[in-house]
Amino acid sequence: MIDKNIDQLKRLKLRKNAEMRLKVYGILSISLALIMLSTLMISIGLSGYSALQQAYVKLEINVDSKKVLDEKGGFSNQKALLVNWDGIVSNSFITNFPEITKRSEKRSLRALMSSNAGYELRQYFQKNPDDLDENITIWLSASDDFDQYMKGRFNTSVDEKDRRLSNQQLKWIDFLAMEKISKLKFNTSFFVNADSREPESAGILGAVVGSTLTLTITILFALPLAVMASVYLEYFAKPGRLTDFIEVNINNLAAIPSIVFGLLGLSVFLGFFGLPRSAPLVGGLCLGLMTIPTIIIASRASIRAVPPSIKDAALALGASRMQAALHHVLPLAAPGILTGTIIGMAQALGETAPLLMIGMVAFIIETPDSFTSAATAMPVQIFMWSDSAERAFYERSSLAILFLVGFLIIMNSLAVFLRRKFEKKW
């Protein structure tokens, strides 16, 4: 009897030790995951935080109103096209260095200003025509190399012939900073501009609008089909080989690589139906096909979680099977369906491969204004920037990644909140 009790105590001790080891392994796994995630986010943050600032140069400028105003006193785009805005910027910038007379030096000096500075000046007067004929002080964007040097991200230890900025140009930048003619300011362009060839003018607004339009099509296309399919499979489909075949393929579709849906969209939506290339409409349909299986699986699990007595009570009171499903079961399963939909949308937001296949990798400088306009999306924009050679694009891609990850965290947090708020325990 004593030996039996000793054996039981040993087995109990072994089980407790095994449970403790499992607990420790779980804590270590979660800790390791959090450490890796924190390391990743810190690394991206250190690379991208500097994109929140941009180097600007202060210029004194006066523009004759007769050059840009029409007979009614309004801003004339036709006249504005004839104005050498870049020349106005260059001449104003060169006045800070009256000792420079050689053409080669002037050319090197002009290279310190952004190629889009003239366009920025034109946009300013288009919005503020009352400032014409006045001596105004305006801050315009410097070049990306100028910007990187002021942020301390320009490697000056490299031999001068291998650098994009010469020693003389570096001295000019130091002079401008010392005289407070140039400084780092908050980079509003990153949030209000679309893409640009010049990193100092590139922004994410076009990609954000493109992603929003694409996800709108995705949810309008995927959610009704997925919910209807879930209700049919749970309450109306007859058990058999056909139903089993459909269920197996739904599970398989949820695991298919996303690029396959891009190929499907390329051949069907673009090749067969002739829909516009690089449009949010096509991108939303491709992502909708990819998201439907995920929503179906989540919806069926939510419908199964509703007690059968709810449906049986509705049927006993005279409701039809359709009424019992739509009026009684579906509203109670809605929190789980909504949670699965949000998670599916978050997954679609981060997809790149399907959008690349349908041409949403195009260079878009205008913010899209419709579902058929040429557009890009946030993941594609990040991919394009990360593939560029300029260091300034690298920091902007890092900041865009933080922006995208933050949005994904918000969407997943919203899914958790909705599930906890509306979840019913039976």
Protein backbone atom coordinates (compact mmCIF):
# COMPACT_ATOMS: atom_id res chain seq x y z
CA MET A 1 0.00 0.00 0.00
CA ILE A 2 2.83 2.37 0.88
CA ASP A 3 4.65 1.54 -2.38
CA LYS A 4 1.47 2.28 -4.33
CA ASN A 5 1.10 5.69 -2.70
CA ILE A 6 4.76 6.46 -3.40
CA ASP A 7 4.25 5.57 -7.09
CA GLN A 8 1.20 7.82 -7.25
CA LEU A 9 3.14 10.69 -5.69
CA LYS A 10 5.97 10.20 -8.19
CA ARG A 11 3.55 10.21 -11.13
CA LEU A 12 1.84 13.28 -9.72
CA LYS A 13 5.20 15.01 -9.37
CA LEU A 14 6.13 14.07 -12.95
CA ARG A 15 2.83 15.49 -14.25
CA LYS A 16 3.36 18.71 -12.34
CA ASN A 17 6.90 18.98 -13.67
CA ALA A 18 5.64 18.36 -17.21
CA GLU A 19 2.97 21.03 -16.76
CA MET A 20 5.55 23.45 -15.42
CA ARG A 21 7.88 22.79 -18.36
CA LEU A 22 5.03 23.33 -20.79
CA LYS A 23 4.16 26.59 -19.07
CA VAL A 24 7.78 27.74 -19.18
CA TYR A 25 8.06 26.78 -22.86
CA GLY A 26 4.92 28.78 -23.61
CA ILE A 27 6.18 31.85 -21.75
CA LEU A 28 9.55 31.60 -23.49
CA SER A 29 7.90 31.27 -26.89
CA ILE A 30 5.67 34.29 -26.34
CA SER A 31 8.60 36.30 -24.94
CA LEU A 32 10.77 35.39 -27.91
CA ALA A 33 8.00 36.39 -30.31
CA LEU A 34 7.53 39.73 -28.54
CA ILE A 35 11.29 40.36 -28.56
CA MET A 36 11.53 39.62 -32.29
CA LEU A 37 8.49 41.79 -33.04
CA SER A 38 9.87 44.65 -30.91
CA THR A 39 13.26 44.35 -32.60
CA LEU A 40 11.64 44.47 -36.02
CA MET A 41 9.47 47.49 -35.21
CA ILE A 42 12.34 49.36 -33.56
CA SER A 43 14.59 48.67 -36.54
CA ILE A 44 11.95 49.92 -38.98
CA GLY A 45 11.22 52.90 -36.74
CA LEU A 46 14.86 53.93 -36.56
CA SER A 47 15.06 53.77 -40.35
CA GLY A 48 11.84 55.66 -40.99
CA TYR A 49 11.32 58.25 -38.26
CA SER A 50 13.52 60.78 -40.08
CA ALA A 51 11.04 60.82 -42.99
CA LEU A 52 8.75 62.87 -40.75
CA GLN A 53 11.10 65.78 -41.42
CA GLN A 54 12.16 67.35 -44.70
CA ALA A 55 14.84 69.92 -45.54
CA TYR A 56 13.41 73.22 -46.79
CA VAL A 57 15.11 76.38 -48.05
CA LYS A 58 13.79 79.89 -47.38
CA LEU A 59 13.57 82.06 -50.51
CA GLU A 60 12.52 85.64 -51.23
CA ILE A 61 10.37 85.66 -54.37
CA ASN A 62 8.33 88.18 -56.34
CA VAL A 63 6.18 87.15 -59.32
CA ASP A 64 4.48 89.58 -61.70
CA SER A 65 0.72 88.97 -61.66
CA LYS A 66 0.47 89.78 -65.39
CA LYS A 67 2.33 86.56 -66.16
CA VAL A 68 -0.22 84.24 -64.54
CA LEU A 69 -3.56 86.04 -64.15
CA ASP A 70 -6.21 86.16 -66.85
CA GLU A 71 -8.35 89.16 -67.82
CA LYS A 72 -10.82 88.43 -65.00
CA GLY A 73 -8.08 88.35 -62.38
CA GLY A 74 -8.13 84.56 -61.95
CA PHE A 75 -5.18 82.20 -62.05
CA SER A 76 -4.63 81.05 -65.65
CA ASN A 77 -3.16 77.58 -66.04
CA GLN A 78 -2.31 78.32 -69.67
CA LYS A 79 -0.27 81.38 -68.76
CA ALA A 80 1.31 79.53 -65.84
CA LEU A 81 2.65 76.91 -68.23
CA LEU A 82 4.68 79.61 -69.98
CA VAL A 83 6.32 80.81 -66.77
CA ASN A 84 9.78 79.44 -65.95
CA TRP A 85 9.03 78.59 -62.33
CA ASP A 86 12.26 76.61 -61.93
CA GLY A 87 14.20 79.60 -63.16
CA ILE A 88 12.50 81.87 -60.63
CA VAL A 89 13.45 79.47 -57.84
CA SER A 90 17.03 79.10 -59.06
CA ASN A 91 17.57 82.85 -59.41
CA SER A 92 16.24 83.49 -55.94
CA PHE A 93 18.36 80.71 -54.46
CA ILE A 94 21.56 81.93 -56.13
CA THR A 95 21.15 85.39 -54.57
CA ASN A 96 22.27 83.83 -51.29
CA PHE A 97 25.72 83.39 -52.87
CA PRO A 98 26.59 86.63 -54.71
CA GLU A 99 30.24 85.58 -55.00
CA ILE A 100 29.35 82.73 -57.35
CA THR A 101 29.70 83.74 -61.00
CA LYS A 102 30.83 80.63 -62.86
CA ARG A 103 28.17 78.66 -64.73
CA SER A 104 29.47 75.33 -63.43
CA GLU A 105 29.19 76.51 -59.85
CA LYS A 106 25.72 77.89 -60.46
CA ARG A 107 24.73 74.53 -61.92
CA SER A 108 26.04 72.74 -58.81
CA LEU A 109 24.18 75.21 -56.61
CA ARG A 110 20.88 74.75 -58.45
CA ALA A 111 21.21 70.97 -57.93
CA LEU A 112 20.70 71.54 -54.19
CA MET A 113 17.08 72.54 -54.76
CA SER A 114 14.40 69.96 -55.46
CA SER A 115 13.41 69.41 -59.07
CA ASN A 116 9.83 69.98 -57.94
CA ALA A 117 10.50 73.29 -56.19
CA GLY A 118 9.19 75.22 -59.20
CA TYR A 119 6.00 73.17 -59.19
CA GLU A 120 5.58 73.86 -55.46
CA LEU A 121 5.94 77.58 -56.13
CA ARG A 122 3.31 77.44 -58.85
CA GLN A 123 0.93 75.53 -56.58
CA TYR A 124 1.43 78.15 -53.87
CA PHE A 125 0.44 81.05 -56.13
CA GLN A 126 -2.44 79.06 -57.55
CA LYS A 127 -3.84 78.81 -54.01
CA ASN A 128 -2.75 82.32 -52.97
CA PRO A 129 -3.08 84.61 -56.03
CA ASP A 130 -3.28 87.66 -53.75
CA ASP A 131 0.44 87.24 -53.00
CA LEU A 132 1.39 88.02 -56.60
CA ASP A 133 3.32 91.29 -57.07
CA GLU A 134 4.40 91.00 -53.43
CA ASN A 135 7.80 90.14 -51.99
CA ILE A 136 7.02 86.90 -50.19
CA THR A 137 9.10 84.55 -48.07
CA ILE A 138 8.43 80.91 -48.90
CA TRP A 139 9.96 77.61 -47.82
CA LEU A 140 10.56 75.22 -50.73
CA SER A 141 11.88 71.67 -50.75
CA ALA A 142 15.59 70.99 -51.02
CA SER A 143 16.98 68.01 -52.95
CA ASP A 144 17.00 64.56 -51.41
CA ASP A 145 20.80 64.61 -51.02
CA PHE A 146 20.57 67.99 -49.27
CA ASP A 147 17.90 66.50 -47.03
CA GLN A 148 19.90 63.38 -46.18
CA TYR A 149 23.00 65.44 -45.33
CA MET A 150 21.07 67.65 -42.91
CA LYS A 151 19.66 64.54 -41.23
CA GLY A 152 23.15 63.08 -40.80
CA ARG A 153 22.43 60.17 -43.14
CA PHE A 154 24.87 61.22 -45.86
CA ASN A 155 28.20 59.40 -45.77
CA THR A 156 30.86 62.10 -46.06
CA SER A 157 33.74 59.67 -45.45
CA VAL A 158 33.45 58.37 -49.02
CA ASP A 159 35.84 59.81 -51.56
CA GLU A 160 34.45 62.97 -53.16
CA LYS A 161 34.34 61.54 -56.68
CA ASP A 162 32.14 58.68 -55.43
CA ARG A 163 29.67 60.99 -53.64
CA ARG A 164 26.56 62.68 -55.01
CA LEU A 165 27.53 65.91 -53.24
CA SER A 166 30.89 67.61 -53.63
CA ASN A 167 32.83 69.23 -50.80
CA GLN A 168 31.85 72.64 -52.12
CA GLN A 169 28.17 71.73 -52.07
CA LEU A 170 28.52 70.49 -48.49
CA LYS A 171 30.03 73.87 -47.53
CA TRP A 172 27.11 75.68 -49.15
CA ILE A 173 24.63 73.52 -47.19
CA ASP A 174 26.48 74.23 -43.95
CA PHE A 175 26.36 77.96 -44.71
CA LEU A 176 22.61 77.85 -45.38
CA ALA A 177 21.99 75.95 -42.15
CA MET A 178 24.19 78.32 -40.14
CA GLU A 179 22.37 81.36 -41.56
CA LYS A 180 19.02 79.63 -40.86
CA ILE A 181 18.12 79.86 -44.53
CA SER A 182 17.55 76.11 -44.54
CA LYS A 183 16.19 73.86 -41.83
CA LEU A 184 14.33 70.64 -41.19
CA LYS A 185 10.56 71.02 -40.93
CA PHE A 186 7.64 68.63 -40.55
CA ASN A 187 7.18 66.72 -43.79
CA THR A 188 3.56 67.42 -44.69
CA SER A 189 4.22 66.29 -48.26
CA PHE A 190 4.45 62.69 -47.11
CA PHE A 191 0.82 62.75 -46.00
CA VAL A 192 -0.80 65.00 -48.63
CA ASN A 193 1.02 64.04 -51.86
CA ALA A 194 0.81 61.05 -54.16
CA ASP A 195 3.90 59.30 -55.50
CA SER A 196 6.72 61.20 -57.21
CA ARG A 197 10.00 60.50 -58.96
CA GLU A 198 11.64 62.84 -56.45
CA PRO A 199 11.67 61.36 -52.94
CA GLU A 200 11.37 64.77 -51.26
CA SER A 201 7.94 65.19 -52.93
CA ALA A 202 6.70 61.60 -52.64
CA GLY A 203 3.74 60.86 -50.37
CA ILE A 204 1.31 58.12 -49.43
CA LEU A 205 -2.03 59.83 -50.00
CA GLY A 206 -2.53 58.28 -53.43
CA ALA A 207 -1.73 54.80 -52.10
CA VAL A 208 -4.00 55.26 -49.07
CA VAL A 209 -6.91 56.33 -51.26
CA GLY A 210 -6.19 53.47 -53.65
CA SER A 211 -6.18 50.94 -50.80
CA THR A 212 -9.42 52.40 -49.44
CA LEU A 213 -11.18 52.13 -52.80
CA THR A 214 -9.83 48.60 -53.31
CA LEU A 215 -10.97 47.40 -49.86
CA THR A 216 -14.39 48.95 -50.41
CA ILE A 217 -14.87 46.80 -53.52
CA THR A 218 -13.46 43.80 -51.65
CA ILE A 219 -15.94 43.98 -48.77
CA LEU A 220 -18.93 44.76 -51.02
CA PHE A 221 -18.07 41.77 -53.19
CA ALA A 222 -16.88 39.24 -50.60
CA LEU A 223 -19.10 39.74 -47.55
CA PRO A 224 -22.57 39.08 -49.09
CA LEU A 225 -21.35 36.07 -51.09
CA ALA A 226 -19.51 34.59 -48.10
CA VAL A 227 -22.46 35.00 -45.71
CA MET A 228 -24.94 33.56 -48.21
CA ALA A 229 -22.65 30.62 -48.88
CA SER A 230 -22.27 29.99 -45.14
CA VAL A 231 -26.02 30.04 -44.52
CA TYR A 232 -26.61 27.71 -47.46
CA LEU A 233 -23.97 25.19 -46.37
CA GLU A 234 -25.17 25.16 -42.74
CA TYR A 235 -28.96 25.04 -43.22
CA PHE A 236 -29.91 24.21 -46.78
CA ALA A 237 -27.20 22.07 -48.39
CA LYS A 238 -28.04 18.35 -48.39
CA PRO A 239 -25.32 16.08 -47.04
CA GLY A 240 -23.57 14.28 -49.84
CA ARG A 241 -20.55 14.15 -52.07
CA LEU A 242 -21.26 17.50 -53.70
CA THR A 243 -21.49 19.30 -50.34
CA ASP A 244 -18.35 17.55 -49.10
CA PHE A 245 -16.58 18.53 -52.32
CA ILE A 246 -17.56 22.20 -51.84
CA GLU A 247 -16.43 22.25 -48.20
CA VAL A 248 -13.06 20.66 -49.01
CA ASN A 249 -12.43 23.17 -51.79
CA ILE A 250 -13.37 26.12 -49.58
CA ASN A 251 -10.71 25.02 -47.10
CA ASN A 252 -8.23 24.50 -49.93
CA LEU A 253 -8.94 27.96 -51.39
CA ALA A 254 -8.11 29.54 -48.03
CA ALA A 255 -4.60 28.06 -48.29
CA ILE A 256 -3.87 28.84 -51.96
CA PRO A 257 -1.02 31.36 -52.51
CA SER A 258 -2.39 34.82 -53.16
CA ILE A 259 -0.56 35.19 -56.47
CA VAL A 260 -2.88 32.54 -57.94
CA PHE A 261 -5.82 34.89 -57.41
CA GLY A 262 -3.79 37.58 -59.17
CA LEU A 263 -3.35 35.27 -62.16
CA LEU A 264 -7.07 34.52 -62.08
CA GLY A 265 -7.88 38.23 -62.07
CA LEU A 266 -5.42 38.84 -64.90
CA SER A 267 -6.98 36.20 -67.13
CA VAL A 268 -10.66 36.68 -66.20
CA PHE A 269 -11.26 40.31 -65.20
CA LEU A 270 -8.69 41.86 -67.53
CA GLY A 271 -8.43 39.30 -70.33
CA PHE A 272 -12.04 38.11 -70.62
CA PHE A 273 -14.19 40.96 -69.25
CA GLY A 274 -11.83 43.72 -70.38
CA LEU A 275 -11.96 45.72 -67.14
CA PRO A 276 -9.48 48.64 -66.80
CA ARG A 277 -5.96 47.70 -65.80
CA SER A 278 -4.48 48.99 -62.55
CA ALA A 279 -7.92 49.97 -61.22
CA PRO A 280 -9.24 49.52 -57.65
CA LEU A 281 -12.27 47.76 -59.15
CA VAL A 282 -10.15 44.88 -60.45
CA GLY A 283 -7.92 44.85 -57.38
CA GLY A 284 -10.95 44.67 -55.10
CA LEU A 285 -12.44 41.77 -57.06
CA CYS A 286 -9.15 39.82 -56.91
CA LEU A 287 -8.78 40.41 -53.18
CA GLY A 288 -12.46 39.60 -52.72
CA LEU A 289 -11.96 36.16 -54.30
CA MET A 290 -9.03 35.62 -51.96
CA THR A 291 -10.98 36.77 -48.88
CA ILE A 292 -14.25 34.86 -49.48
CA PRO A 293 -12.96 31.48 -48.13
CA THR A 294 -11.66 33.14 -44.94
CA ILE A 295 -15.01 34.84 -44.28
CA ILE A 296 -16.94 31.64 -45.06
CA ILE A 297 -14.92 29.64 -42.53
CA ALA A 298 -15.37 32.31 -39.84
CA SER A 299 -19.09 32.71 -40.63
CA ARG A 300 -19.82 29.00 -40.48
CA ALA A 301 -18.04 28.74 -37.13
CA SER A 302 -20.13 31.65 -35.80
CA ILE A 303 -23.39 30.15 -37.08
CA ARG A 304 -22.56 26.78 -35.51
CA ALA A 305 -21.91 28.53 -32.19
CA VAL A 306 -25.57 29.67 -32.02
CA PRO A 307 -27.58 27.09 -30.02
CA PRO A 308 -29.87 24.95 -32.23
CA SER A 309 -32.75 25.75 -29.86
CA ILE A 310 -32.91 29.27 -31.33
CA LYS A 311 -33.65 27.91 -34.79
CA ASP A 312 -35.95 25.19 -33.44
CA ALA A 313 -37.98 27.73 -31.45
CA ALA A 314 -38.40 29.93 -34.53
CA LEU A 315 -39.52 26.96 -36.61
CA ALA A 316 -41.95 25.88 -33.88
CA LEU A 317 -43.57 29.34 -33.95
CA GLY A 318 -44.21 29.07 -37.68
CA ALA A 319 -41.14 30.71 -39.21
CA SER A 320 -39.77 29.26 -42.42
CA ARG A 321 -36.25 27.87 -42.56
CA MET A 322 -35.09 31.01 -44.37
CA GLN A 323 -36.73 33.28 -41.79
CA ALA A 324 -35.24 31.30 -38.93
CA ALA A 325 -31.77 31.57 -40.47
CA LEU A 326 -31.89 35.22 -41.50
CA HIS A 327 -34.02 36.76 -38.72
CA HIS A 328 -32.87 34.77 -35.68
CA VAL A 329 -29.61 32.87 -36.21
CA LEU A 330 -27.72 35.33 -38.41
CA PRO A 331 -28.10 38.36 -36.09
CA LEU A 332 -26.74 36.32 -33.18
CA ALA A 333 -23.82 35.12 -35.32
CA ALA A 334 -23.10 38.64 -36.62
CA PRO A 335 -20.28 39.49 -34.11
CA GLY A 336 -18.26 36.45 -35.17
CA ILE A 337 -18.97 37.09 -38.85
CA LEU A 338 -17.89 40.73 -38.44
CA THR A 339 -14.71 39.67 -36.68
CA GLY A 340 -13.82 37.23 -39.44
CA THR A 341 -14.56 39.90 -42.04
CA ILE A 342 -12.27 42.45 -40.40
CA ILE A 343 -9.45 39.90 -40.15
CA GLY A 344 -9.97 39.00 -43.80
CA MET A 345 -9.86 42.69 -44.76
CA ALA A 346 -6.66 43.13 -42.76
CA GLN A 347 -5.12 40.23 -44.65
CA ALA A 348 -6.26 41.71 -47.97
CA LEU A 349 -4.83 45.12 -47.04
CA GLY A 350 -1.35 43.64 -46.73
CA GLU A 351 -1.40 41.64 -49.97
CA THR A 352 0.92 42.66 -52.78
CA ALA A 353 1.23 39.74 -55.23
CA PRO A 354 -2.35 39.83 -56.64
CA LEU A 355 -2.12 43.58 -57.20
CA LEU A 356 1.21 43.25 -58.99
CA MET A 357 -0.33 40.76 -61.41
CA ILE A 358 -3.16 43.14 -62.43
CA GLY A 359 -0.87 46.14 -62.96
CA MET A 360 -1.38 48.16 -59.77
CA VAL A 361 2.41 48.54 -59.66
CA ALA A 362 2.12 51.45 -62.11
CA PHE A 363 3.66 54.82 -61.24
CA ILE A 364 0.67 56.98 -60.23
CA ILE A 365 1.23 60.68 -59.52
CA GLU A 366 -2.44 61.62 -59.13
CA THR A 367 -4.76 60.65 -56.30
CA PRO A 368 -7.45 58.29 -57.73
CA ASP A 369 -10.98 59.69 -57.69
CA SER A 370 -13.04 56.67 -58.78
CA PHE A 371 -13.07 52.88 -58.73
CA THR A 372 -11.90 52.74 -62.35
CA SER A 373 -9.08 55.29 -62.06
CA ALA A 374 -5.50 54.12 -62.27
CA ALA A 375 -4.27 53.56 -58.70
CA THR A 376 -1.80 51.79 -56.50
CA ALA A 377 -2.04 50.44 -52.95
CA MET A 378 -0.02 50.77 -49.78
CA PRO A 379 1.87 47.43 -49.99
CA VAL A 380 2.68 48.03 -53.66
CA GLN A 381 3.85 51.57 -52.90
CA ILE A 382 6.18 50.25 -50.21
CA PHE A 383 7.50 47.64 -52.64
CA MET A 384 8.22 50.28 -55.28
CA TRP A 385 9.95 52.64 -52.83
CA SER A 386 12.08 49.90 -51.29
CA ASP A 387 13.34 49.00 -54.77
CA SER A 388 14.56 52.56 -55.44
CA ALA A 389 18.20 53.48 -55.14
CA GLU A 390 17.81 56.79 -53.26
CA ARG A 391 18.28 56.64 -49.50
CA ALA A 392 15.36 59.06 -49.06
CA PHE A 393 12.98 56.50 -50.59
CA TYR A 394 14.25 53.89 -48.15
CA GLU A 395 13.33 55.97 -45.12
CA ARG A 396 9.93 56.78 -46.62
CA SER A 397 9.24 53.11 -47.25
CA SER A 398 10.10 52.39 -43.61
CA LEU A 399 7.70 55.09 -42.41
CA ALA A 400 5.01 53.76 -44.75
CA ILE A 401 5.51 50.28 -43.26
CA LEU A 402 4.94 51.70 -39.78
CA PHE A 403 1.81 53.43 -41.06
CA LEU A 404 0.52 50.20 -42.62
CA VAL A 405 1.35 48.07 -39.56
CA GLY A 406 -0.38 50.61 -37.33
CA PHE A 407 -3.51 50.41 -39.47
CA LEU A 408 -3.43 46.60 -39.36
CA ILE A 409 -3.09 46.69 -35.56
CA ILE A 410 -6.10 49.00 -35.36
CA MET A 411 -8.18 46.67 -37.56
CA ASN A 412 -7.28 43.59 -35.53
CA SER A 413 -7.88 45.44 -32.25
CA LEU A 414 -11.29 46.48 -33.57
CA ALA A 415 -12.06 42.84 -34.36
CA VAL A 416 -11.15 41.79 -30.80
CA PHE A 417 -13.20 44.65 -29.33
CA LEU A 418 -16.29 43.83 -31.38
CA ARG A 419 -16.04 40.14 -30.53
CA ARG A 420 -15.84 40.83 -26.80
CA LYS A 421 -18.52 43.52 -26.85
CA PHE A 422 -21.21 41.66 -28.78
CA GLU A 423 -20.28 38.05 -28.02
CA LYS A 424 -23.03 36.12 -26.28
CA LYS A 425 -22.28 33.21 -23.98
CA TRP A 426 -24.78 30.41 -23.97
